PDB file of N, CA and C in Angstrom:
ATOM      1  N   MET A   1     -87.375 -25.771 147.234  1.00  0.00           N
ATOM      2  CA  MET A   1     -87.461 -26.816 146.188  1.00  0.00           C
ATOM      3  C   MET A   1     -88.721 -27.725 146.643  1.00  0.00           C
ATOM      4  N   LYS A   2     -89.449 -28.259 145.590  1.00  0.00           N
ATOM      5  CA  LYS A   2     -90.620 -29.005 145.701  1.00  0.00           C
ATOM      6  C   LYS A   2     -90.490 -30.288 145.472  1.00  0.00           C
ATOM      7  N   PHE A   3     -90.746 -31.121 146.592  1.00  0.00           N
ATOM      8  CA  PHE A   3     -90.920 -32.530 146.432  1.00  0.00           C
ATOM      9  C   PHE A   3     -92.151 -33.116 146.300  1.00  0.00           C
ATOM     10  N   THR A   4     -92.261 -34.305 145.547  1.00  0.00           N
ATOM     11  CA  THR A   4     -93.329 -34.878 145.604  1.00  0.00           C
ATOM     12  C   THR A   4     -93.012 -36.376 145.747  1.00  0.00           C
ATOM     13  N   LEU A   5     -93.438 -36.893 147.095  1.00  0.00           N
ATOM     14  CA  LEU A   5     -93.016 -37.909 147.735  1.00  0.00           C
ATOM     15  C   LEU A   5     -93.848 -39.189 147.607  1.00  0.00           C
ATOM     16  N   ASP A   6     -93.494 -40.320 147.621  1.00  0.00           N
ATOM     17  CA  ASP A   6     -94.149 -41.612 148.014  1.00  0.00           C
ATOM     18  C   ASP A   6     -94.032 -41.880 149.303  1.00  0.00           C
ATOM     19  N   ASP A   7     -95.116 -41.750 149.973  1.00  0.00           N
ATOM     20  CA  ASP A   7     -94.871 -42.242 151.618  1.00  0.00           C
ATOM     21  C   ASP A   7     -95.445 -43.424 151.856  1.00  0.00           C
ATOM     22  N   GLY A   8     -95.792 -44.212 150.979  1.00  0.00           N
ATOM     23  CA  GLY A   8     -96.324 -45.680 151.054  1.00  0.00           C
ATOM     24  C   GLY A   8     -97.845 -45.527 151.128  1.00  0.00           C
ATOM     25  N   SER A   9     -98.534 -44.547 151.144  1.00  0.00           N
ATOM     26  CA  SER A   9     -99.981 -44.445 151.171  1.00  0.00           C
ATOM     27  C   SER A   9    -100.389 -44.305 149.608  1.00  0.00           C
ATOM     28  N   GLU A  10    -101.795 -44.280 149.435  1.00  0.00           N
ATOM     29  CA  GLU A  10    -102.322 -44.147 148.140  1.00  0.00           C
ATOM     30  C   GLU A  10    -101.937 -42.663 147.406  1.00  0.00           C
ATOM     31  N   LYS A  11    -101.859 -41.764 148.320  1.00  0.00           N
ATOM     32  CA  LYS A  11    -101.614 -40.404 148.054  1.00  0.00           C
ATOM     33  C   LYS A  11    -100.295 -39.924 148.185  1.00  0.00           C
ATOM     34  N   GLU A  12     -99.626 -39.155 147.101  1.00  0.00           N
ATOM     35  CA  GLU A  12     -98.428 -38.754 147.106  1.00  0.00           C
ATOM     36  C   GLU A  12     -98.503 -37.463 148.071  1.00  0.00           C
ATOM     37  N   LYS A  13     -97.324 -37.086 148.726  1.00  0.00           N
ATOM     38  CA  LYS A  13     -97.171 -36.023 149.633  1.00  0.00           C
ATOM     39  C   LYS A  13     -96.136 -34.898 148.681  1.00  0.00           C
ATOM     40  N   VAL A  14     -96.576 -33.694 149.082  1.00  0.00           N
ATOM     41  CA  VAL A  14     -95.726 -32.623 148.688  1.00  0.00           C
ATOM     42  C   VAL A  14     -95.183 -31.829 149.852  1.00  0.00           C
ATOM     43  N   ILE A  15     -93.979 -31.859 149.783  1.00  0.00           N
ATOM     44  CA  ILE A  15     -93.098 -31.204 150.858  1.00  0.00           C
ATOM     45  C   ILE A  15     -92.031 -30.227 150.240  1.00  0.00           C
ATOM     46  N   LEU A  16     -92.339 -29.050 150.683  1.00  0.00           N
ATOM     47  CA  LEU A  16     -91.220 -27.797 150.226  1.00  0.00           C
ATOM     48  C   LEU A  16     -90.261 -27.727 151.176  1.00  0.00           C
ATOM     49  N   SER A  17     -89.060 -27.537 150.853  1.00  0.00           N
ATOM     50  CA  SER A  17     -87.776 -27.530 151.608  1.00  0.00           C
ATOM     51  C   SER A  17     -86.953 -26.473 150.788  1.00  0.00           C
ATOM     52  N   GLY A  18     -86.253 -25.624 151.725  1.00  0.00           N
ATOM     53  CA  GLY A  18     -85.157 -24.552 151.292  1.00  0.00           C
ATOM     54  C   GLY A  18     -83.691 -25.210 151.194  1.00  0.00           C
ATOM     55  N   ILE A  19     -83.525 -26.041 150.486  1.00  0.00           N
ATOM     56  CA  ILE A  19     -82.130 -26.868 150.327  1.00  0.00           C
ATOM     57  C   ILE A  19     -81.601 -26.695 148.956  1.00  0.00           C
ATOM     58  N   LYS A  20     -82.244 -25.811 148.112  1.00  0.00           N
ATOM     59  CA  LYS A  20     -81.445 -25.656 146.680  1.00  0.00           C
ATOM     60  C   LYS A  20     -80.147 -25.058 146.812  1.00  0.00           C
ATOM     61  N   GLU A  21     -79.732 -24.414 147.863  1.00  0.00           N
ATOM     62  CA  GLU A  21     -78.293 -24.055 147.834  1.00  0.00           C
ATOM     63  C   GLU A  21     -77.312 -25.207 147.998  1.00  0.00           C
ATOM     64  N   TYR A  22     -77.878 -26.306 148.631  1.00  0.00           N
ATOM     65  CA  TYR A  22     -77.100 -27.388 148.783  1.00  0.00           C
ATOM     66  C   TYR A  22     -77.279 -28.587 147.760  1.00  0.00           C
ATOM     67  N   TYR A  23     -78.349 -28.656 147.244  1.00  0.00           N
ATOM     68  CA  TYR A  23     -78.628 -29.924 146.152  1.00  0.00           C
ATOM     69  C   TYR A  23     -79.312 -29.458 144.964  1.00  0.00           C
ATOM     70  N   SER A  24     -79.253 -30.163 144.020  1.00  0.00           N
ATOM     71  CA  SER A  24     -79.963 -29.913 142.721  1.00  0.00           C
ATOM     72  C   SER A  24     -81.045 -30.868 142.637  1.00  0.00           C
ATOM     73  N   ALA A  25     -82.064 -30.406 142.133  1.00  0.00           N
ATOM     74  CA  ALA A  25     -83.423 -31.496 141.948  1.00  0.00           C
ATOM     75  C   ALA A  25     -82.940 -32.635 141.307  1.00  0.00           C
ATOM     76  N   GLU A  26     -82.246 -32.336 140.233  1.00  0.00           N
ATOM     77  CA  GLU A  26     -81.696 -33.790 139.427  1.00  0.00           C
ATOM     78  C   GLU A  26     -81.019 -34.740 140.296  1.00  0.00           C
ATOM     79  N   SER A  27     -80.232 -34.171 141.245  1.00  0.00           N
ATOM     80  CA  SER A  27     -79.411 -35.080 142.058  1.00  0.00           C
ATOM     81  C   SER A  27     -80.264 -36.056 143.145  1.00  0.00           C
ATOM     82  N   LEU A  28     -81.535 -35.632 143.285  1.00  0.00           N
ATOM     83  CA  LEU A  28     -82.350 -36.138 144.293  1.00  0.00           C
ATOM     84  C   LEU A  28     -83.355 -37.168 143.785  1.00  0.00           C
ATOM     85  N   ILE A  29     -83.645 -37.190 142.412  1.00  0.00           N
ATOM     86  CA  ILE A  29     -84.622 -38.020 141.724  1.00  0.00           C
ATOM     87  C   ILE A  29     -84.425 -39.345 142.090  1.00  0.00           C
ATOM     88  N   GLY A  30     -85.378 -40.107 142.396  1.00  0.00           N
ATOM     89  CA  GLY A  30     -85.104 -41.552 142.831  1.00  0.00           C
ATOM     90  C   GLY A  30     -84.475 -41.875 144.172  1.00  0.00           C
ATOM     91  N   LYS A  31     -84.002 -40.851 144.891  1.00  0.00           N
ATOM     92  CA  LYS A  31     -83.278 -41.217 146.225  1.00  0.00           C
ATOM     93  C   LYS A  31     -84.472 -41.489 147.332  1.00  0.00           C
ATOM     94  N   THR A  32     -84.128 -42.243 148.264  1.00  0.00           N
ATOM     95  CA  THR A  32     -84.849 -42.480 149.435  1.00  0.00           C
ATOM     96  C   THR A  32     -84.473 -41.647 150.479  1.00  0.00           C
ATOM     97  N   LEU A  33     -85.396 -40.653 150.809  1.00  0.00           N
ATOM     98  CA  LEU A  33     -85.068 -39.775 151.922  1.00  0.00           C
ATOM     99  C   LEU A  33     -85.872 -39.860 153.108  1.00  0.00           C
ATOM    100  N   LEU A  34     -85.361 -39.374 154.302  1.00  0.00           N
ATOM    101  CA  LEU A  34     -86.102 -39.566 155.452  1.00  0.00           C
ATOM    102  C   LEU A  34     -86.927 -38.183 155.760  1.00  0.00           C
ATOM    103  N   ALA A  35     -88.252 -38.495 155.863  1.00  0.00           N
ATOM    104  CA  ALA A  35     -88.993 -37.268 156.155  1.00  0.00           C
ATOM    105  C   ALA A  35     -90.171 -37.586 157.203  1.00  0.00           C
ATOM    106  N   ILE A  36     -90.583 -36.687 157.697  1.00  0.00           N
ATOM    107  CA  ILE A  36     -91.588 -36.625 158.791  1.00  0.00           C
ATOM    108  C   ILE A  36     -93.105 -36.107 158.050  1.00  0.00           C
ATOM    109  N   CYS A  37     -93.996 -37.007 157.977  1.00  0.00           N
ATOM    110  CA  CYS A  37     -95.047 -36.675 157.154  1.00  0.00           C
ATOM    111  C   CYS A  37     -96.455 -36.756 157.824  1.00  0.00           C
ATOM    112  N   ASN A  38     -96.300 -36.588 159.229  1.00  0.00           N
ATOM    113  CA  ASN A  38     -97.520 -36.645 160.003  1.00  0.00           C
ATOM    114  C   ASN A  38     -97.635 -35.091 160.783  1.00  0.00           C
ATOM    115  N   LEU A  39     -96.963 -34.198 160.120  1.00  0.00           N
ATOM    116  CA  LEU A  39     -97.135 -32.886 160.593  1.00  0.00           C
ATOM    117  C   LEU A  39     -98.345 -32.013 160.200  1.00  0.00           C
ATOM    118  N   PRO A  40     -98.752 -31.051 160.696  1.00  0.00           N
ATOM    119  CA  PRO A  40     -99.906 -30.108 160.212  1.00  0.00           C
ATOM    120  C   PRO A  40     -99.395 -29.470 159.132  1.00  0.00           C
ATOM    121  N   LEU A  41    -100.280 -29.170 158.026  1.00  0.00           N
ATOM    122  CA  LEU A  41    -100.001 -28.656 156.953  1.00  0.00           C
ATOM    123  C   LEU A  41     -99.313 -27.198 157.122  1.00  0.00           C
ATOM    124  N   ARG A  42     -98.401 -26.825 156.230  1.00  0.00           N
ATOM    125  CA  ARG A  42     -97.999 -25.535 156.446  1.00  0.00           C
ATOM    126  C   ARG A  42     -97.923 -24.805 155.221  1.00  0.00           C
ATOM    127  N   LYS A  43     -98.518 -23.806 154.981  1.00  0.00           N
ATOM    128  CA  LYS A  43     -98.487 -23.152 153.759  1.00  0.00           C
ATOM    129  C   LYS A  43     -97.103 -22.334 153.484  1.00  0.00           C
ATOM    130  N   MET A  44     -96.599 -22.456 152.261  1.00  0.00           N
ATOM    131  CA  MET A  44     -95.303 -21.871 151.924  1.00  0.00           C
ATOM    132  C   MET A  44     -95.255 -21.575 150.517  1.00  0.00           C
ATOM    133  N   MET A  45     -95.030 -20.304 150.228  1.00  0.00           N
ATOM    134  CA  MET A  45     -95.301 -19.729 148.975  1.00  0.00           C
ATOM    135  C   MET A  45     -96.518 -20.161 148.122  1.00  0.00           C
ATOM    136  N   GLY A  46     -97.810 -20.134 149.044  1.00  0.00           N
ATOM    137  CA  GLY A  46     -98.929 -20.438 148.515  1.00  0.00           C
ATOM    138  C   GLY A  46     -99.205 -21.742 148.315  1.00  0.00           C
ATOM    139  N   ILE A  47     -98.449 -22.740 148.703  1.00  0.00           N
ATOM    140  CA  ILE A  47     -98.459 -24.263 148.586  1.00  0.00           C
ATOM    141  C   ILE A  47     -98.487 -24.817 149.954  1.00  0.00           C
ATOM    142  N   ASP A  48     -99.455 -25.735 150.094  1.00  0.00           N
ATOM    143  CA  ASP A  48     -99.485 -26.509 151.320  1.00  0.00           C
ATOM    144  C   ASP A  48     -98.312 -27.544 151.313  1.00  0.00           C
ATOM    145  N   SER A  49     -97.344 -27.406 152.365  1.00  0.00           N
ATOM    146  CA  SER A  49     -96.193 -28.327 152.424  1.00  0.00           C
ATOM    147  C   SER A  49     -96.900 -29.445 153.443  1.00  0.00           C
ATOM    148  N   GLU A  50     -96.811 -30.806 153.272  1.00  0.00           N
ATOM    149  CA  GLU A  50     -97.229 -31.754 154.000  1.00  0.00           C
ATOM    150  C   GLU A  50     -96.318 -32.504 154.829  1.00  0.00           C
ATOM    151  N   GLY A  51     -95.236 -31.885 155.237  1.00  0.00           N
ATOM    152  CA  GLY A  51     -94.179 -32.786 155.895  1.00  0.00           C
ATOM    153  C   GLY A  51     -92.838 -32.007 155.926  1.00  0.00           C
ATOM    154  N   MET A  52     -91.819 -32.637 156.307  1.00  0.00           N
ATOM    155  CA  MET A  52     -90.399 -32.098 156.455  1.00  0.00           C
ATOM    156  C   MET A  52     -89.315 -33.068 156.117  1.00  0.00           C
ATOM    157  N   ILE A  53     -88.510 -32.694 155.230  1.00  0.00           N
ATOM    158  CA  ILE A  53     -87.379 -33.558 154.838  1.00  0.00           C
ATOM    159  C   ILE A  53     -86.436 -33.639 156.096  1.00  0.00           C
ATOM    160  N   ILE A  54     -85.739 -34.564 156.372  1.00  0.00           N
ATOM    161  CA  ILE A  54     -84.749 -34.500 157.622  1.00  0.00           C
ATOM    162  C   ILE A  54     -83.345 -34.413 157.060  1.00  0.00           C
ATOM    163  N   SER A  55     -82.655 -33.411 157.755  1.00  0.00           N
ATOM    164  CA  SER A  55     -81.279 -33.209 157.314  1.00  0.00           C
ATOM    165  C   SER A  55     -80.443 -32.934 158.556  1.00  0.00           C
ATOM    166  N   ALA A  56     -79.110 -33.111 158.316  1.00  0.00           N
ATOM    167  CA  ALA A  56     -77.980 -32.747 159.383  1.00  0.00           C
ATOM    168  C   ALA A  56     -77.236 -31.715 158.936  1.00  0.00           C
ATOM    169  N   ILE A  57     -76.908 -30.555 159.760  1.00  0.00           N
ATOM    170  CA  ILE A  57     -76.103 -29.568 159.291  1.00  0.00           C
ATOM    171  C   ILE A  57     -74.881 -29.781 160.165  1.00  0.00           C
ATOM    172  N   CYS A  58     -73.690 -29.811 159.530  1.00  0.00           N
ATOM    173  CA  CYS A  58     -72.364 -29.848 159.919  1.00  0.00           C
ATOM    174  C   CYS A  58     -71.345 -28.964 159.390  1.00  0.00           C
ATOM    175  N   GLU A  59     -70.343 -28.755 160.212  1.00  0.00           N
ATOM    176  CA  GLU A  59     -69.345 -27.759 159.693  1.00  0.00           C
ATOM    177  C   GLU A  59     -68.088 -28.442 159.027  1.00  0.00           C
ATOM    178  N   TYR A  60     -67.627 -28.070 157.901  1.00  0.00           N
ATOM    179  CA  TYR A  60     -66.648 -28.684 157.222  1.00  0.00           C
ATOM    180  C   TYR A  60     -65.625 -27.556 156.766  1.00  0.00           C
ATOM    181  N   ASP A  61     -64.398 -27.720 157.265  1.00  0.00           N
ATOM    182  CA  ASP A  61     -63.516 -26.599 156.821  1.00  0.00           C
ATOM    183  C   ASP A  61     -63.955 -25.273 157.284  1.00  0.00           C
ATOM    184  N   GLY A  62     -64.640 -25.158 158.186  1.00  0.00           N
ATOM    185  CA  GLY A  62     -65.203 -23.743 158.532  1.00  0.00           C
ATOM    186  C   GLY A  62     -66.381 -23.288 157.895  1.00  0.00           C
ATOM    187  N   GLU A  63     -67.177 -24.080 157.157  1.00  0.00           N
ATOM    188  CA  GLU A  63     -68.266 -23.696 156.218  1.00  0.00           C
ATOM    189  C   GLU A  63     -69.516 -24.738 156.622  1.00  0.00           C
ATOM    190  N   GLU A  64     -70.565 -24.143 156.872  1.00  0.00           N
ATOM    191  CA  GLU A  64     -71.688 -25.124 157.366  1.00  0.00           C
ATOM    192  C   GLU A  64     -72.319 -25.811 156.139  1.00  0.00           C
ATOM    193  N   LYS A  65     -72.545 -26.929 156.175  1.00  0.00           N
ATOM    194  CA  LYS A  65     -73.090 -27.716 155.086  1.00  0.00           C
ATOM    195  C   LYS A  65     -74.421 -28.531 155.463  1.00  0.00           C
ATOM    196  N   LEU A  66     -75.203 -28.730 154.632  1.00  0.00           N
ATOM    197  CA  LEU A  66     -76.465 -29.465 154.992  1.00  0.00           C
ATOM    198  C   LEU A  66     -76.397 -30.962 154.208  1.00  0.00           C
ATOM    199  N   ASN A  67     -76.680 -31.800 155.077  1.00  0.00           N
ATOM    200  CA  ASN A  67     -76.566 -33.238 154.498  1.00  0.00           C
ATOM    201  C   ASN A  67     -77.905 -33.793 154.768  1.00  0.00           C
ATOM    202  N   LEU A  68     -78.632 -34.176 153.640  1.00  0.00           N
ATOM    203  CA  LEU A  68     -79.777 -34.809 153.693  1.00  0.00           C
ATOM    204  C   LEU A  68     -79.672 -36.278 154.331  1.00  0.00           C
ATOM    205  N   ILE A  69     -80.591 -36.746 155.008  1.00  0.00           N
ATOM    206  CA  ILE A  69     -80.633 -38.092 155.442  1.00  0.00           C
ATOM    207  C   ILE A  69     -81.128 -39.104 154.395  1.00  0.00           C
ATOM    208  N   MET A  70     -80.381 -39.920 153.838  1.00  0.00           N
ATOM    209  CA  MET A  70     -80.836 -40.667 152.879  1.00  0.00           C
ATOM    210  C   MET A  70     -80.793 -42.300 153.276  1.00  0.00           C
ATOM    211  N   LEU A  71     -81.557 -42.974 152.687  1.00  0.00           N
ATOM    212  CA  LEU A  71     -81.696 -44.293 153.236  1.00  0.00           C
ATOM    213  C   LEU A  71     -81.383 -45.289 152.141  1.00  0.00           C
ATOM    214  N   ASP A  72     -81.218 -46.316 152.509  1.00  0.00           N
ATOM    215  CA  ASP A  72     -80.990 -47.638 151.448  1.00  0.00           C
ATOM    216  C   ASP A  72     -82.302 -47.739 150.730  1.00  0.00           C
ATOM    217  N   ASP A  73     -81.994 -47.795 149.448  1.00  0.00           N
ATOM    218  CA  ASP A  73     -83.100 -47.990 148.429  1.00  0.00           C
ATOM    219  C   ASP A  73     -84.113 -49.264 148.652  1.00  0.00           C
ATOM    220  N   ASN A  74     -83.526 -50.204 149.466  1.00  0.00           N
ATOM    221  CA  ASN A  74     -84.177 -51.618 149.787  1.00  0.00           C
ATOM    222  C   ASN A  74     -85.433 -51.092 150.728  1.00  0.00           C
ATOM    223  N   ILE A  75     -85.076 -50.120 151.480  1.00  0.00           N
ATOM    224  CA  ILE A  75     -86.451 -49.793 152.527  1.00  0.00           C
ATOM    225  C   ILE A  75     -87.490 -49.162 151.725  1.00  0.00           C
ATOM    226  N   PRO A  76     -88.774 -49.987 152.073  1.00  0.00           N
ATOM    227  CA  PRO A  76     -89.697 -49.400 151.208  1.00  0.00           C
ATOM    228  C   PRO A  76     -90.393 -48.143 151.790  1.00  0.00           C
ATOM    229  N   ALA A  77     -91.283 -47.423 150.905  1.00  0.00           N
ATOM    230  CA  ALA A  77     -91.783 -46.080 151.050  1.00  0.00           C
ATOM    231  C   ALA A  77     -92.769 -46.363 152.081  1.00  0.00           C
ATOM    232  N   GLY A  78     -92.782 -45.621 153.148  1.00  0.00           N
ATOM    233  CA  GLY A  78     -93.823 -45.662 154.304  1.00  0.00           C
ATOM    234  C   GLY A  78     -93.411 -46.569 155.326  1.00  0.00           C
ATOM    235  N   SER A  79     -92.083 -46.900 155.224  1.00  0.00           N
ATOM    236  CA  SER A  79     -91.565 -47.632 156.394  1.00  0.00           C
ATOM    237  C   SER A  79     -91.548 -46.734 157.819  1.00  0.00           C
ATOM    238  N   LYS A  80     -91.912 -47.337 158.872  1.00  0.00           N
ATOM    239  CA  LYS A  80     -91.921 -46.536 160.047  1.00  0.00           C
ATOM    240  C   LYS A  80     -90.542 -46.764 160.877  1.00  0.00           C
ATOM    241  N   LEU A  81     -90.241 -45.770 161.576  1.00  0.00           N
ATOM    242  CA  LEU A  81     -88.918 -45.745 162.238  1.00  0.00           C
ATOM    243  C   LEU A  81     -89.263 -46.119 163.687  1.00  0.00           C
ATOM    244  N   TYR A  82     -88.363 -46.704 164.408  1.00  0.00           N
ATOM    245  CA  TYR A  82     -88.514 -47.003 165.883  1.00  0.00           C
ATOM    246  C   TYR A  82     -87.182 -46.731 166.601  1.00  0.00           C
TER     247      TYR A  82
END
């Protein structure tokens, strides 16, 4: 899945993530996700990925599930974590 993120800078970031098995693109539009944006570029499928979407993997009823870390929409893009 290809994300175009507002990280609070003047330039949008492109991040690729293999989460389509767990989420549809439509369900994530407008969501505030936790991402690491200061990683070296990584070419995936011929596209430079500029970061990593953070998620947690948990087991529910014997099945492994991926859960994206979503933040309150009131937190501005580019906020730093401490």
